C-alpha atoms as a PDB file:
ATOM      1  CA  MET A   1       0.120   0.192   0.145  1.00  0.00           C
ATOM      2  CA  THR A   2       1.451   3.396  -1.041  1.00  0.00           C
ATOM      3  CA  LYS A   3       1.998   5.934   1.546  1.00  0.00           C
ATOM      4  CA  GLN A   4      -0.223   8.276   0.162  1.00  0.00           C
ATOM      5  CA  LEU A   5      -2.842   6.157   0.648  1.00  0.00           C
ATOM      6  CA  LYS A   6      -1.998   4.819   4.409  1.00  0.00           C
ATOM      7  CA  LYS A   7      -1.717   8.490   5.220  1.00  0.00           C
ATOM      8  CA  LEU A   8      -5.288   8.739   3.329  1.00  0.00           C
ATOM      9  CA  LEU A   9      -6.817   5.961   5.408  1.00  0.00           C
ATOM     10  CA  ASN A  10      -4.455   7.156   8.642  1.00  0.00           C
ATOM     11  CA  LYS A  11      -7.149   9.473   9.021  1.00  0.00           C
ATOM     12  CA  ARG A  12     -10.357   7.939  10.326  1.00  0.00           C
ATOM     13  CA  LYS A  13     -10.713   7.007  13.995  1.00  0.00           C
ATOM     14  CA  ILE A  14      -9.385   3.389  15.302  1.00  0.00           C
ATOM     15  CA  LYS A  15      -9.263   2.245  18.635  1.00  0.00           C
ATOM     16  CA  LEU A  16      -6.146   2.623  20.590  1.00  0.00           C
ATOM     17  CA  PRO A  17      -3.931  -0.116  20.820  1.00  0.00           C
ATOM     18  CA  GLN A  18      -4.832  -2.729  23.737  1.00  0.00           C
ATOM     19  CA  GLY A  19      -1.430  -4.722  23.997  1.00  0.00           C
ATOM     20  CA  VAL A  20       2.015  -4.486  23.850  1.00  0.00           C
ATOM     21  CA  THR A  21       2.134  -6.129  20.273  1.00  0.00           C
ATOM     22  CA  GLU A  22      -0.641  -4.293  18.944  1.00  0.00           C
ATOM     23  CA  PHE A  23       1.076  -1.079  20.580  1.00  0.00           C
ATOM     24  CA  THR A  24       4.026  -1.908  18.540  1.00  0.00           C
ATOM     25  CA  ALA A  25       2.345  -2.121  15.529  1.00  0.00           C
ATOM     26  CA  TRP A  26       0.369   0.346  15.733  1.00  0.00           C
ATOM     27  CA  ALA A  27       3.367   2.693  15.894  1.00  0.00           C
ATOM     28  CA  ASN A  28       5.815   0.929  13.687  1.00  0.00           C
ATOM     29  CA  ASP A  29       2.604   1.666  10.878  1.00  0.00           C
ATOM     30  CA  ILE A  30       2.697   5.794  11.894  1.00  0.00           C
ATOM     31  CA  LEU A  31       6.453   6.225  11.940  1.00  0.00           C
ATOM     32  CA  ASP A  32       6.903   4.365   8.662  1.00  0.00           C
ATOM     33  CA  THR A  33       3.908   6.021   7.389  1.00  0.00           C
ATOM     34  CA  TYR A  34       5.205   9.691   8.038  1.00  0.00           C
ATOM     35  CA  ASP A  35       8.656   8.937   7.704  1.00  0.00           C
ATOM     36  CA  MET A  36      10.043   8.692  11.144  1.00  0.00           C
ATOM     37  CA  PRO A  37      12.793   7.120  13.361  1.00  0.00           C
ATOM     38  CA  ASN A  38      11.476   4.363  14.521  1.00  0.00           C
ATOM     39  CA  ASN A  39      13.423   4.137  17.815  1.00  0.00           C
ATOM     40  CA  ASP A  40      12.953   4.055  21.772  1.00  0.00           C
ATOM     41  CA  SER A  41      12.374   7.634  21.733  1.00  0.00           C
ATOM     42  CA  THR A  42       9.646   8.039  19.013  1.00  0.00           C
ATOM     43  CA  HIS A  43       7.988   5.028  20.662  1.00  0.00           C
ATOM     44  CA  PHE A  44       7.809   6.391  24.271  1.00  0.00           C
ATOM     45  CA  ALA A  45       6.410   9.960  22.643  1.00  0.00           C
ATOM     46  CA  LEU A  46       3.504   7.653  21.229  1.00  0.00           C
ATOM     47  CA  ALA A  47       3.347   5.813  24.503  1.00  0.00           C
ATOM     48  CA  THR A  48       3.597   9.731  26.547  1.00  0.00           C
ATOM     49  CA  ALA A  49       1.130  10.580  23.811  1.00  0.00           C
ATOM     50  CA  VAL A  50      -1.840   8.314  24.740  1.00  0.00           C
ATOM     51  CA  LEU A  51      -1.733   8.618  27.781  1.00  0.00           C
ATOM     52  CA  HIS A  52      -1.987  12.217  27.483  1.00  0.00           C
ATOM     53  CA  ALA A  53      -4.890  11.689  25.027  1.00  0.00           C
ATOM     54  CA  LYS A  54      -8.750  13.068  26.291  1.00  0.00           C
ATOM     55  CA  ASN A  55     -10.494  10.902  29.030  1.00  0.00           C
ATOM     56  CA  GLY A  56     -12.973   8.686  27.742  1.00  0.00           C
ATOM     57  CA  GLU A  57     -12.378   8.282  24.336  1.00  0.00           C
ATOM     58  CA  GLY A  58     -10.748   5.393  23.076  1.00  0.00           C
ATOM     59  CA  TYR A  59     -10.350   5.921  19.132  1.00  0.00           C
ATOM     60  CA  PHE A  60      -8.214   8.393  17.573  1.00  0.00           C
ATOM     61  CA  SER A  61      -6.573   8.857  14.249  1.00  0.00           C
ATOM     62  CA  LYS A  62      -3.027   7.717  13.486  1.00  0.00           C
ATOM     63  CA  GLU A  63      -2.531  10.654  11.724  1.00  0.00           C
ATOM     64  CA  TYR A  64      -3.388  12.674  15.178  1.00  0.00           C
ATOM     65  CA  PHE A  65      -0.399  10.900  16.583  1.00  0.00           C
ATOM     66  CA  ALA A  66       1.851  11.465  13.710  1.00  0.00           C
ATOM     67  CA  ASN A  67       1.008  15.232  14.377  1.00  0.00           C
ATOM     68  CA  ILE A  68       1.980  15.192  17.882  1.00  0.00           C
ATOM     69  CA  LEU A  69       5.235  13.742  16.823  1.00  0.00           C
ATOM     70  CA  ILE A  70       5.834  16.587  14.099  1.00  0.00           C
ATOM     71  CA  LYS A  71       4.826  19.110  16.059  1.00  0.00           C
ATOM     72  CA  GLY A  72       7.039  17.634  18.870  1.00  0.00           C
ATOM     73  CA  ALA A  73      10.519  17.534  17.067  1.00  0.00           C
ATOM     74  CA  ALA A  74       9.603  21.133  15.576  1.00  0.00           C
ATOM     75  CA  ASN A  75       9.211  22.467  19.248  1.00  0.00           C
ATOM     76  CA  GLN A  76      12.703  20.945  19.850  1.00  0.00           C
ATOM     77  CA  VAL A  77      14.396  22.462  17.032  1.00  0.00           C
ATOM     78  CA  ALA A  78      12.921  25.612  18.055  1.00  0.00           C
ATOM     79  CA  HIS A  79      14.295  25.128  21.351  1.00  0.00           C
ATOM     80  CA  HIS A  80      17.309  24.199  20.383  1.00  0.00           C
ATOM     81  CA  VAL A  81      17.646  27.257  17.794  1.00  0.00           C
ATOM     82  CA  MET A  82      16.209  30.037  20.596  1.00  0.00           C
ATOM     83  CA  LEU A  83      19.222  28.482  23.153  1.00  0.00           C
ATOM     84  CA  GLU A  84      22.078  29.401  19.968  1.00  0.00           C
ATOM     85  CA  CYS A  85      20.209  32.779  19.601  1.00  0.00           C
ATOM     86  CA  LYS A  86      20.375  33.343  23.204  1.00  0.00           C
ATOM     87  CA  THR A  87      23.736  31.875  23.626  1.00  0.00           C
ATOM     88  CA  ARG A  88      24.960  34.289  20.979  1.00  0.00           C
ATOM     89  CA  GLN A  89      23.749  37.260  22.384  1.00  0.00           C
ATOM     90  CA  GLU A  90      24.758  36.342  25.851  1.00  0.00           C
ATOM     91  CA  ALA A  91      28.390  36.251  24.183  1.00  0.00           C
ATOM     92  CA  ARG A  92      27.654  39.840  22.124  1.00  0.00           C
ATOM     93  CA  ALA A  93      26.406  40.840  25.921  1.00  0.00           C
ATOM     94  CA  GLU A  94      29.742  40.214  27.235  1.00  0.00           C
ATOM     95  CA  GLU A  95      32.038  41.215  24.468  1.00  0.00           C
ATOM     96  CA  GLU A  96      30.060  44.585  24.990  1.00  0.00           C
ATOM     97  CA  LYS A  97      30.712  44.629  28.830  1.00  0.00           C
ATOM     98  CA  ARG A  98      34.856  43.756  28.287  1.00  0.00           C
ATOM     99  CA  ALA A  99      35.397  46.263  25.853  1.00  0.00           C
ATOM    100  CA  ALA A 100      33.631  49.015  27.958  1.00  0.00           C
ATOM    101  CA  GLU A 101      35.257  48.032  30.570  1.00  0.00           C
ATOM    102  CA  ALA A 102      38.895  48.006  28.606  1.00  0.00           C
ATOM    103  CA  LYS A 103      37.649  51.623  27.678  1.00  0.00           C
ATOM    104  CA  THR A 104      36.909  52.177  31.298  1.00  0.00           C
ATOM    105  CA  VAL A 105      40.701  51.065  32.460  1.00  0.00           C
ATOM    106  CA  GLU A 106      42.113  52.507  29.124  1.00  0.00           C
ATOM    107  CA  ASP A 107      40.444  56.246  29.739  1.00  0.00           C
ATOM    108  CA  THR A 108      41.550  56.334  33.196  1.00  0.00           C
ATOM    109  CA  THR A 109      45.247  54.980  32.360  1.00  0.00           C
ATOM    110  CA  SER A 110      45.462  58.355  30.218  1.00  0.00           C
ATOM    111  CA  THR A 111      44.323  60.453  32.694  1.00  0.00           C
ATOM    112  CA  GLN A 112      46.342  59.676  34.736  1.00  0.00           C
ATOM    113  CA  ASP A 113      49.531  59.441  32.476  1.00  0.00           C
ATOM    114  CA  GLU A 114      48.296  63.066  31.693  1.00  0.00           C
ATOM    115  CA  SER A 115      48.108  64.020  35.470  1.00  0.00           C
ATOM    116  CA  SER A 116      51.607  62.216  35.842  1.00  0.00           C
ATOM    117  CA  THR A 117      52.884  64.393  33.109  1.00  0.00           C
ATOM    118  CA  ASP A 118      51.391  67.600  34.413  1.00  0.00           C
ATOM    119  CA  VAL A 119      52.412  67.439  37.756  1.00  0.00           C
ATOM    120  CA  SER A 120      56.302  66.337  36.123  1.00  0.00           C
ATOM    121  CA  SER A 121      55.970  69.493  34.067  1.00  0.00           C
ATOM    122  CA  LYS A 122      55.482  71.666  37.063  1.00  0.00           C
ATOM    123  CA  LEU A 123      57.960  70.376  38.946  1.00  0.00           C
ATOM    124  CA  GLN A 124      60.450  71.639  36.645  1.00  0.00           C
END
C-alpha cells in the first residue's frame, strides 16, 4: 500500500492499541507512514501521547499521533535555535561589557598619565 493511501486511511479514527504487540505494530505503522525514526524515543513519545489523550475517548486517528510527533520534533528544533540565539546574544553582551571595561581602564590610565605629565612639568 502506498504511503499516500496509508496517510488517507490514517485520517479515520480507530481504537487505541490494547496490548504491547498491538501498540508496537500501531507505532511502527505511524512511524513508517510518516517517515519518522523508529526508535525508543519515538515509541516513548507515542506512549506519552496516548497517556495524554483526552480521557473518555478510545478512538483516535493515527494522523493525530503523527502530528503530535511532528510538532514535538519542531518544538525541539525551535528550542535548540532559541538557545543558540540566546547564547550568541549573551556572548555579544559579554564582549561589549569587556570592551567597555577595557575602554574605561584605558581612559583612566591615559587620564592618570596626563596628570603625571602635568605634575612633572610643573615640578621642573
